[in-house]
Amino acid sequence: HEGGDRSWLVVTRDTTTHEITAVEFARDVARKQ
């Protein structure tokens, strides 16, 4: 998020429709892993 709070996000997106089904902070995804 360069034009905002400079956060890193993991976005789950369908590449054929561009539908976004989930957005999470990357730090939370990394911690879960």
PDB file of all heavy atoms in Angstrom:
ATOM      1  N   HIS A   1       0.843  -1.192   0.000  1.00  0.00           N
ATOM      2  CA  HIS A   1       0.000   0.000   0.000  1.00  0.00           C
ATOM      3  C   HIS A   1       0.881   1.246   0.000  1.00  0.00           C
ATOM      4  O   HIS A   1       0.982   1.970   0.992  1.00  0.00           O
ATOM      5  CB  HIS A   1      -0.946  -0.013   1.210  1.00  0.00           C
ATOM      6  CG  HIS A   1      -2.041   0.979   1.091  1.00  0.00           C
ATOM      7  ND1 HIS A   1      -2.811   1.355   2.161  1.00  0.00           N
ATOM      8  CD2 HIS A   1      -2.529   1.665   0.034  1.00  0.00           C
ATOM      9  CE1 HIS A   1      -3.707   2.244   1.773  1.00  0.00           C
ATOM     10  NE2 HIS A   1      -3.550   2.445   0.473  1.00  0.00           N
ATOM     11  N   GLU A   2       1.485   1.494  -1.144  1.00  0.00           N
ATOM     12  CA  GLU A   2       2.441   2.588  -1.289  1.00  0.00           C
ATOM     13  C   GLU A   2       1.783   3.957  -1.123  1.00  0.00           C
ATOM     14  O   GLU A   2       2.355   4.874  -0.541  1.00  0.00           O
ATOM     15  CB  GLU A   2       3.114   2.515  -2.661  1.00  0.00           C
ATOM     16  CG  GLU A   2       4.189   3.544  -2.867  1.00  0.00           C
ATOM     17  CD  GLU A   2       4.872   3.367  -4.197  1.00  0.00           C
ATOM     18  OE1 GLU A   2       4.182   3.342  -5.228  1.00  0.00           O
ATOM     19  OE2 GLU A   2       6.105   3.245  -4.195  1.00  0.00           O
ATOM     20  N   GLY A   3       0.566   4.111  -1.611  1.00  0.00           N
ATOM     21  CA  GLY A   3      -0.110   5.401  -1.554  1.00  0.00           C
ATOM     22  C   GLY A   3      -0.936   5.591  -0.300  1.00  0.00           C
ATOM     23  O   GLY A   3      -1.806   6.455  -0.261  1.00  0.00           O
ATOM     24  N   GLY A   4      -0.651   4.813   0.725  1.00  0.00           N
ATOM     25  CA  GLY A   4      -1.431   4.906   1.962  1.00  0.00           C
ATOM     26  C   GLY A   4      -0.575   4.631   3.179  1.00  0.00           C
ATOM     27  O   GLY A   4       0.424   5.309   3.417  1.00  0.00           O
ATOM     28  N   ASP A   5      -0.941   3.595   3.927  1.00  0.00           N
ATOM     29  CA  ASP A   5      -0.258   3.325   5.198  1.00  0.00           C
ATOM     30  C   ASP A   5       1.011   2.488   5.050  1.00  0.00           C
ATOM     31  O   ASP A   5       1.627   2.122   6.032  1.00  0.00           O
ATOM     32  CB  ASP A   5      -1.220   2.656   6.175  1.00  0.00           C
ATOM     33  CG  ASP A   5      -1.615   1.251   5.772  1.00  0.00           C
ATOM     34  OD1 ASP A   5      -1.390   0.863   4.596  1.00  0.00           O
ATOM     35  OD2 ASP A   5      -2.170   0.525   6.617  1.00  0.00           O
ATOM     36  N   ARG A   6       1.402   2.166   3.814  1.00  0.00           N
ATOM     37  CA  ARG A   6       2.624   1.428   3.514  1.00  0.00           C
ATOM     38  C   ARG A   6       2.619   0.017   4.093  1.00  0.00           C
ATOM     39  O   ARG A   6       3.654  -0.555   4.419  1.00  0.00           O
ATOM     40  CB  ARG A   6       3.854   2.226   3.939  1.00  0.00           C
ATOM     41  CG  ARG A   6       3.862   3.630   3.306  1.00  0.00           C
ATOM     42  CD  ARG A   6       5.103   4.417   3.512  1.00  0.00           C
ATOM     43  NE  ARG A   6       6.288   3.859   2.909  1.00  0.00           N
ATOM     44  CZ  ARG A   6       6.595   3.900   1.606  1.00  0.00           C
ATOM     45  NH1 ARG A   6       5.765   4.455   0.770  1.00  0.00           N
ATOM     46  NH2 ARG A   6       7.715   3.388   1.153  1.00  0.00           N
ATOM     47  N   SER A   7       1.447  -0.568   4.188  1.00  0.00           N
ATOM     48  CA  SER A   7       1.337  -1.937   4.687  1.00  0.00           C
ATOM     49  C   SER A   7       1.504  -2.940   3.551  1.00  0.00           C
ATOM     50  O   SER A   7       1.275  -2.632   2.384  1.00  0.00           O
ATOM     51  CB  SER A   7      -0.024  -2.143   5.367  1.00  0.00           C
ATOM     52  OG  SER A   7      -1.078  -1.885   4.459  1.00  0.00           O
ATOM     53  N   TRP A   8       1.922  -4.147   3.919  1.00  0.00           N
ATOM     54  CA  TRP A   8       2.027  -5.265   2.986  1.00  0.00           C
ATOM     55  C   TRP A   8       0.793  -6.127   3.176  1.00  0.00           C
ATOM     56  O   TRP A   8       0.438  -6.474   4.308  1.00  0.00           O
ATOM     57  CB  TRP A   8       3.267  -6.090   3.296  1.00  0.00           C
ATOM     58  CG  TRP A   8       4.548  -5.404   2.977  1.00  0.00           C
ATOM     59  CD1 TRP A   8       5.175  -4.445   3.722  1.00  0.00           C
ATOM     60  CD2 TRP A   8       5.352  -5.601   1.837  1.00  0.00           C
ATOM     61  NE1 TRP A   8       6.326  -4.042   3.113  1.00  0.00           N
ATOM     62  CE2 TRP A   8       6.470  -4.741   1.945  1.00  0.00           C
ATOM     63  CE3 TRP A   8       5.253  -6.423   0.720  1.00  0.00           C
ATOM     64  CZ2 TRP A   8       7.473  -4.695   0.985  1.00  0.00           C
ATOM     65  CZ3 TRP A   8       6.259  -6.376  -0.237  1.00  0.00           C
ATOM     66  CH2 TRP A   8       7.348  -5.517  -0.091  1.00  0.00           C
ATOM     67  N   LEU A   9       0.143  -6.487   2.072  1.00  0.00           N
ATOM     68  CA  LEU A   9      -1.078  -7.281   2.135  1.00  0.00           C
ATOM     69  C   LEU A   9      -0.928  -8.541   1.296  1.00  0.00           C
ATOM     70  O   LEU A   9      -0.221  -8.550   0.290  1.00  0.00           O
ATOM     71  CB  LEU A   9      -2.270  -6.482   1.604  1.00  0.00           C
ATOM     72  CG  LEU A   9      -2.583  -5.158   2.273  1.00  0.00           C
ATOM     73  CD1 LEU A   9      -3.734  -4.468   1.552  1.00  0.00           C
ATOM     74  CD2 LEU A   9      -2.903  -5.345   3.740  1.00  0.00           C
ATOM     75  N   VAL A  10      -1.628  -9.589   1.712  1.00  0.00           N
ATOM     76  CA  VAL A  10      -1.805 -10.779   0.879  1.00  0.00           C
ATOM     77  C   VAL A  10      -3.243 -10.739   0.395  1.00  0.00           C
ATOM     78  O   VAL A  10      -4.180 -10.757   1.190  1.00  0.00           O
ATOM     79  CB  VAL A  10      -1.515 -12.077   1.661  1.00  0.00           C
ATOM     80  CG1 VAL A  10      -1.864 -13.295   0.811  1.00  0.00           C
ATOM     81  CG2 VAL A  10      -0.054 -12.124   2.081  1.00  0.00           C
ATOM     82  N   VAL A  11      -3.399 -10.624  -0.916  1.00  0.00           N
ATOM     83  CA  VAL A  11      -4.714 -10.517  -1.545  1.00  0.00           C
ATOM     84  C   VAL A  11      -4.981 -11.816  -2.293  1.00  0.00           C
ATOM     85  O   VAL A  11      -4.167 -12.245  -3.116  1.00  0.00           O
ATOM     86  CB  VAL A  11      -4.750  -9.320  -2.526  1.00  0.00           C
ATOM     87  CG1 VAL A  11      -6.076  -9.263  -3.266  1.00  0.00           C
ATOM     88  CG2 VAL A  11      -4.492  -8.022  -1.777  1.00  0.00           C
ATOM     89  N   THR A  12      -6.110 -12.453  -1.995  1.00  0.00           N
ATOM     90  CA  THR A  12      -6.521 -13.635  -2.745  1.00  0.00           C
ATOM     91  C   THR A  12      -7.438 -13.163  -3.859  1.00  0.00           C
ATOM     92  O   THR A  12      -8.497 -12.587  -3.604  1.00  0.00           O
ATOM     93  CB  THR A  12      -7.240 -14.651  -1.833  1.00  0.00           C
ATOM     94  OG1 THR A  12      -6.380 -14.975  -0.740  1.00  0.00           O
ATOM     95  CG2 THR A  12      -7.593 -15.911  -2.604  1.00  0.00           C
ATOM     96  N   ARG A  13      -6.989 -13.373  -5.116  1.00  0.00           N
ATOM     97  CA  ARG A  13      -7.686 -12.832  -6.280  1.00  0.00           C
ATOM     98  C   ARG A  13      -7.766 -13.895  -7.360  1.00  0.00           C
ATOM     99  O   ARG A  13      -6.833 -14.658  -7.582  1.00  0.00           O
ATOM    100  CB  ARG A  13      -6.917 -11.619  -6.812  1.00  0.00           C
ATOM    101  CG  ARG A  13      -7.525 -10.946  -8.019  1.00  0.00           C
ATOM    102  CD  ARG A  13      -6.692  -9.747  -8.445  1.00  0.00           C
ATOM    103  NE  ARG A  13      -5.397 -10.132  -8.959  1.00  0.00           N
ATOM    104  CZ  ARG A  13      -5.147 -10.411 -10.248  1.00  0.00           C
ATOM    105  NH1 ARG A  13      -6.099 -10.353 -11.144  1.00  0.00           N
ATOM    106  NH2 ARG A  13      -3.929 -10.746 -10.628  1.00  0.00           N
ATOM    107  N   ASP A  14      -8.908 -13.948  -8.039  1.00  0.00           N
ATOM    108  CA  ASP A  14      -9.076 -14.844  -9.173  1.00  0.00           C
ATOM    109  C   ASP A  14      -8.504 -14.141 -10.406  1.00  0.00           C
ATOM    110  O   ASP A  14      -8.975 -13.065 -10.780  1.00  0.00           O
ATOM    111  CB  ASP A  14     -10.552 -15.174  -9.371  1.00  0.00           C
ATOM    112  CG  ASP A  14     -10.768 -16.265 -10.395  1.00  0.00           C
ATOM    113  OD1 ASP A  14     -10.215 -16.154 -11.514  1.00  0.00           O
ATOM    114  OD2 ASP A  14     -11.499 -17.220 -10.096  1.00  0.00           O
ATOM    115  N   THR A  15      -7.505 -14.733 -11.037  1.00  0.00           N
ATOM    116  CA  THR A  15      -6.842 -14.088 -12.167  1.00  0.00           C
ATOM    117  C   THR A  15      -7.706 -14.050 -13.424  1.00  0.00           C
ATOM    118  O   THR A  15      -7.396 -13.308 -14.352  1.00  0.00           O
ATOM    119  CB  THR A  15      -5.507 -14.777 -12.501  1.00  0.00           C
ATOM    120  OG1 THR A  15      -5.769 -16.145 -12.821  1.00  0.00           O
ATOM    121  CG2 THR A  15      -4.539 -14.672 -11.343  1.00  0.00           C
ATOM    122  N   THR A  16      -8.766 -14.832 -13.471  1.00  0.00           N
ATOM    123  CA  THR A  16      -9.628 -14.818 -14.661  1.00  0.00           C
ATOM    124  C   THR A  16     -10.743 -13.790 -14.549  1.00  0.00           C
ATOM    125  O   THR A  16     -11.202 -13.274 -15.560  1.00  0.00           O
ATOM    126  CB  THR A  16     -10.235 -16.206 -14.927  1.00  0.00           C
ATOM    127  OG1 THR A  16     -10.983 -16.627 -13.791  1.00  0.00           O
ATOM    128  CG2 THR A  16      -9.150 -17.219 -15.238  1.00  0.00           C
ATOM    129  N   THR A  17     -11.172 -13.472 -13.324  1.00  0.00           N
ATOM    130  CA  THR A  17     -12.277 -12.521 -13.132  1.00  0.00           C
ATOM    131  C   THR A  17     -11.867 -11.274 -12.368  1.00  0.00           C
ATOM    132  O   THR A  17     -12.623 -10.320 -12.309  1.00  0.00           O
ATOM    133  CB  THR A  17     -13.425 -13.187 -12.356  1.00  0.00           C
ATOM    134  OG1 THR A  17     -12.964 -13.514 -11.036  1.00  0.00           O
ATOM    135  CG2 THR A  17     -13.939 -14.433 -13.059  1.00  0.00           C
ATOM    136  N   HIS A  18     -10.710 -11.289 -11.744  1.00  0.00           N
ATOM    137  CA  HIS A  18     -10.201 -10.228 -10.858  1.00  0.00           C
ATOM    138  C   HIS A  18     -11.026 -10.089  -9.582  1.00  0.00           C
ATOM    139  O   HIS A  18     -10.872  -9.106  -8.859  1.00  0.00           O
ATOM    140  CB  HIS A  18     -10.089  -8.879 -11.574  1.00  0.00           C
ATOM    141  CG  HIS A  18      -9.114  -8.906 -12.695  1.00  0.00           C
ATOM    142  ND1 HIS A  18      -7.780  -9.107 -12.509  1.00  0.00           N
ATOM    143  CD2 HIS A  18      -9.296  -8.787 -14.034  1.00  0.00           C
ATOM    144  CE1 HIS A  18      -7.164  -9.107 -13.677  1.00  0.00           C
ATOM    145  NE2 HIS A  18      -8.063  -8.923 -14.614  1.00  0.00           N
ATOM    146  N   GLU A  19     -11.877 -11.052  -9.275  1.00  0.00           N
ATOM    147  CA  GLU A  19     -12.647 -11.017  -8.035  1.00  0.00           C
ATOM    148  C   GLU A  19     -11.705 -11.262  -6.858  1.00  0.00           C
ATOM    149  O   GLU A  19     -10.919 -12.211  -6.849  1.00  0.00           O
ATOM    150  CB  GLU A  19     -13.734 -12.093  -8.038  1.00  0.00           C
ATOM    151  CG  GLU A  19     -14.504 -12.144  -6.741  1.00  0.00           C
ATOM    152  CD  GLU A  19     -15.468 -13.317  -6.657  1.00  0.00           C
ATOM    153  OE1 GLU A  19     -15.426 -14.200  -7.525  1.00  0.00           O
ATOM    154  OE2 GLU A  19     -16.241 -13.341  -5.696  1.00  0.00           O
ATOM    155  N   ILE A  20     -11.781 -10.384  -5.872  1.00  0.00           N
ATOM    156  CA  ILE A  20     -10.974 -10.509  -4.657  1.00  0.00           C
ATOM    157  C   ILE A  20     -11.826 -11.166  -3.589  1.00  0.00           C
ATOM    158  O   ILE A  20     -12.919 -10.692  -3.273  1.00  0.00           O
ATOM    159  CB  ILE A  20     -10.466  -9.128  -4.200  1.00  0.00           C
ATOM    160  CG1 ILE A  20      -9.500  -8.574  -5.246  1.00  0.00           C
ATOM    161  CG2 ILE A  20      -9.801  -9.222  -2.830  1.00  0.00           C
ATOM    162  CD1 ILE A  20      -9.045  -7.156  -4.973  1.00  0.00           C
ATOM    163  N   THR A  21     -11.330 -12.262  -3.037  1.00  0.00           N
ATOM    164  CA  THR A  21     -12.095 -13.006  -2.039  1.00  0.00           C
ATOM    165  C   THR A  21     -11.546 -12.864  -0.626  1.00  0.00           C
ATOM    166  O   THR A  21     -12.250 -13.191   0.327  1.00  0.00           O
ATOM    167  CB  THR A  21     -12.162 -14.503  -2.406  1.00  0.00           C
ATOM    168  OG1 THR A  21     -10.832 -15.009  -2.561  1.00  0.00           O
ATOM    169  CG2 THR A  21     -12.939 -14.704  -3.702  1.00  0.00           C
ATOM    170  N   ALA A  22     -10.315 -12.388  -0.480  1.00  0.00           N
ATOM    171  CA  ALA A  22      -9.746 -12.203   0.861  1.00  0.00           C
ATOM    172  C   ALA A  22      -8.593 -11.206   0.799  1.00  0.00           C
ATOM    173  O   ALA A  22      -7.879 -11.130  -0.198  1.00  0.00           O
ATOM    174  CB  ALA A  22      -9.241 -13.526   1.420  1.00  0.00           C
ATOM    175  N   VAL A  23      -8.432 -10.447   1.883  1.00  0.00           N
ATOM    176  CA  VAL A  23      -7.304  -9.527   2.038  1.00  0.00           C
ATOM    177  C   VAL A  23      -6.831  -9.640   3.481  1.00  0.00           C
ATOM    178  O   VAL A  23      -7.620  -9.493   4.411  1.00  0.00           O
ATOM    179  CB  VAL A  23      -7.703  -8.062   1.726  1.00  0.00           C
ATOM    180  CG1 VAL A  23      -6.506  -7.140   1.896  1.00  0.00           C
ATOM    181  CG2 VAL A  23      -8.290  -7.941   0.328  1.00  0.00           C
ATOM    182  N   GLU A  24      -5.538  -9.927   3.660  1.00  0.00           N
ATOM    183  CA  GLU A  24      -4.959 -10.075   4.993  1.00  0.00           C
ATOM    184  C   GLU A  24      -3.635  -9.320   5.043  1.00  0.00           C
ATOM    185  O   GLU A  24      -2.977  -9.138   4.020  1.00  0.00           O
ATOM    186  CB  GLU A  24      -4.654 -11.540   5.305  1.00  0.00           C
ATOM    187  CG  GLU A  24      -5.804 -12.498   5.149  1.00  0.00           C
ATOM    188  CD  GLU A  24      -5.317 -13.930   5.213  1.00  0.00           C
ATOM    189  OE1 GLU A  24      -5.097 -14.429   6.345  1.00  0.00           O
ATOM    190  OE2 GLU A  24      -5.130 -14.529   4.148  1.00  0.00           O
ATOM    191  N   PHE A  25      -3.255  -8.907   6.244  1.00  0.00           N
ATOM    192  CA  PHE A  25      -1.916  -8.345   6.407  1.00  0.00           C
ATOM    193  C   PHE A  25      -0.897  -9.460   6.183  1.00  0.00           C
ATOM    194  O   PHE A  25      -1.063 -10.573   6.682  1.00  0.00           O
ATOM    195  CB  PHE A  25      -1.725  -7.748   7.798  1.00  0.00           C
ATOM    196  CG  PHE A  25      -2.435  -6.441   7.997  1.00  0.00           C
ATOM    197  CD1 PHE A  25      -3.497  -6.341   8.873  1.00  0.00           C
ATOM    198  CD2 PHE A  25      -2.036  -5.311   7.299  1.00  0.00           C
ATOM    199  CE1 PHE A  25      -4.165  -5.142   9.054  1.00  0.00           C
ATOM    200  CE2 PHE A  25      -2.686  -4.105   7.474  1.00  0.00           C
ATOM    201  CZ  PHE A  25      -3.749  -4.017   8.347  1.00  0.00           C
ATOM    202  N   ALA A  26       0.172  -9.167   5.453  1.00  0.00           N
ATOM    203  CA  ALA A  26       1.205 -10.160   5.169  1.00  0.00           C
ATOM    204  C   ALA A  26       1.846 -10.658   6.455  1.00  0.00           C
ATOM    205  O   ALA A  26       2.198 -11.831   6.568  1.00  0.00           O
ATOM    206  CB  ALA A  26       2.253  -9.586   4.221  1.00  0.00           C
ATOM    207  N   ARG A  27       1.987  -9.785   7.450  1.00  0.00           N
ATOM    208  CA  ARG A  27       2.598 -10.217   8.716  1.00  0.00           C
ATOM    209  C   ARG A  27       1.758 -11.287   9.394  1.00  0.00           C
ATOM    210  O   ARG A  27       2.293 -12.215  10.002  1.00  0.00           O
ATOM    211  CB  ARG A  27       2.815  -9.034   9.647  1.00  0.00           C
ATOM    212  CG  ARG A  27       1.532  -8.429  10.174  1.00  0.00           C
ATOM    213  CD  ARG A  27       1.777  -7.400  11.282  1.00  0.00           C
ATOM    214  NE  ARG A  27       0.510  -6.928  11.743  1.00  0.00           N
ATOM    215  CZ  ARG A  27      -0.027  -5.753  11.441  1.00  0.00           C
ATOM    216  NH1 ARG A  27       0.626  -4.916  10.675  1.00  0.00           N
ATOM    217  NH2 ARG A  27      -1.206  -5.419  11.894  1.00  0.00           N
ATOM    218  N   ASP A  28       0.421 -11.182   9.284  1.00  0.00           N
ATOM    219  CA  ASP A  28      -0.455 -12.190   9.879  1.00  0.00           C
ATOM    220  C   ASP A  28      -0.339 -13.526   9.148  1.00  0.00           C
ATOM    221  O   ASP A  28      -0.335 -14.590   9.771  1.00  0.00           O
ATOM    222  CB  ASP A  28      -1.907 -11.708   9.881  1.00  0.00           C
ATOM    223  CG  ASP A  28      -2.113 -10.480  10.751  1.00  0.00           C
ATOM    224  OD1 ASP A  28      -1.268 -10.222  11.645  1.00  0.00           O
ATOM    225  OD2 ASP A  28      -3.117  -9.761  10.536  1.00  0.00           O
ATOM    226  N   VAL A  29      -0.224 -13.468   7.830  1.00  0.00           N
ATOM    227  CA  VAL A  29      -0.044 -14.685   7.034  1.00  0.00           C
ATOM    228  C   VAL A  29       1.275 -15.345   7.399  1.00  0.00           C
ATOM    229  O   VAL A  29       1.348 -16.553   7.605  1.00  0.00           O
ATOM    230  CB  VAL A  29      -0.111 -14.371   5.523  1.00  0.00           C
ATOM    231  CG1 VAL A  29       0.273 -15.582   4.689  1.00  0.00           C
ATOM    232  CG2 VAL A  29      -1.502 -13.868   5.148  1.00  0.00           C
ATOM    233  N   ALA A  30       2.341 -14.559   7.511  1.00  0.00           N
ATOM    234  CA  ALA A  30       3.658 -15.097   7.865  1.00  0.00           C
ATOM    235  C   ALA A  30       3.617 -15.723   9.254  1.00  0.00           C
ATOM    236  O   ALA A  30       4.202 -16.796   9.467  1.00  0.00           O
ATOM    237  CB  ALA A  30       4.716 -14.000   7.805  1.00  0.00           C
ATOM    238  N   ARG A  31       2.956 -15.093  10.185  1.00  0.00           N
ATOM    239  CA  ARG A  31       2.872 -15.633  11.553  1.00  0.00           C
ATOM    240  C   ARG A  31       2.111 -16.955  11.568  1.00  0.00           C
ATOM    241  O   ARG A  31       2.484 -17.882  12.285  1.00  0.00           O
ATOM    242  CB  ARG A  31       2.214 -14.636  12.475  1.00  0.00           C
ATOM    243  CG  ARG A  31       3.125 -13.512  12.860  1.00  0.00           C
ATOM    244  CD  ARG A  31       2.464 -12.524  13.815  1.00  0.00           C
ATOM    245  NE  ARG A  31       3.383 -11.451  14.101  1.00  0.00           N
ATOM    246  CZ  ARG A  31       3.010 -10.194  14.273  1.00  0.00           C
ATOM    247  NH1 ARG A  31       1.727  -9.861  14.191  1.00  0.00           N
ATOM    248  NH2 ARG A  31       3.900  -9.260  14.549  1.00  0.00           N
ATOM    249  N   LYS A  32       1.042 -17.044  10.777  1.00  0.00           N
ATOM    250  CA  LYS A  32       0.279 -18.300  10.691  1.00  0.00           C
ATOM    251  C   LYS A  32       1.146 -19.422  10.147  1.00  0.00           C
ATOM    252  O   LYS A  32       0.943 -20.586  10.473  1.00  0.00           O
ATOM    253  CB  LYS A  32      -0.944 -18.135   9.786  1.00  0.00           C
ATOM    254  CG  LYS A  32      -2.050 -17.321  10.385  1.00  0.00           C
ATOM    255  CD  LYS A  32      -3.193 -17.219   9.380  1.00  0.00           C
ATOM    256  CE  LYS A  32      -4.163 -16.122   9.778  1.00  0.00           C
ATOM    257  NZ  LYS A  32      -5.182 -15.889   8.730  1.00  0.00           N
ATOM    258  N   GLN A  33       2.117 -19.086   9.297  1.00  0.00           N
ATOM    259  CA  GLN A  33       2.996 -20.078   8.708  1.00  0.00           C
ATOM    260  C   GLN A  33       4.226 -20.334   9.578  1.00  0.00           C
ATOM    261  O   GLN A  33       5.127 -21.059   9.182  1.00  0.00           O
ATOM    262  CB  GLN A  33       3.439 -19.615   7.318  1.00  0.00           C
ATOM    263  CG  GLN A  33       2.305 -19.516   6.337  1.00  0.00           C
ATOM    264  CD  GLN A  33       2.744 -18.921   4.999  1.00  0.00           C
ATOM    265  OE1 GLN A  33       3.881 -18.501   4.831  1.00  0.00           O
ATOM    266  NE2 GLN A  33       1.834 -18.901   4.062  1.00  0.00           N
TER     267      GLN A  33
END
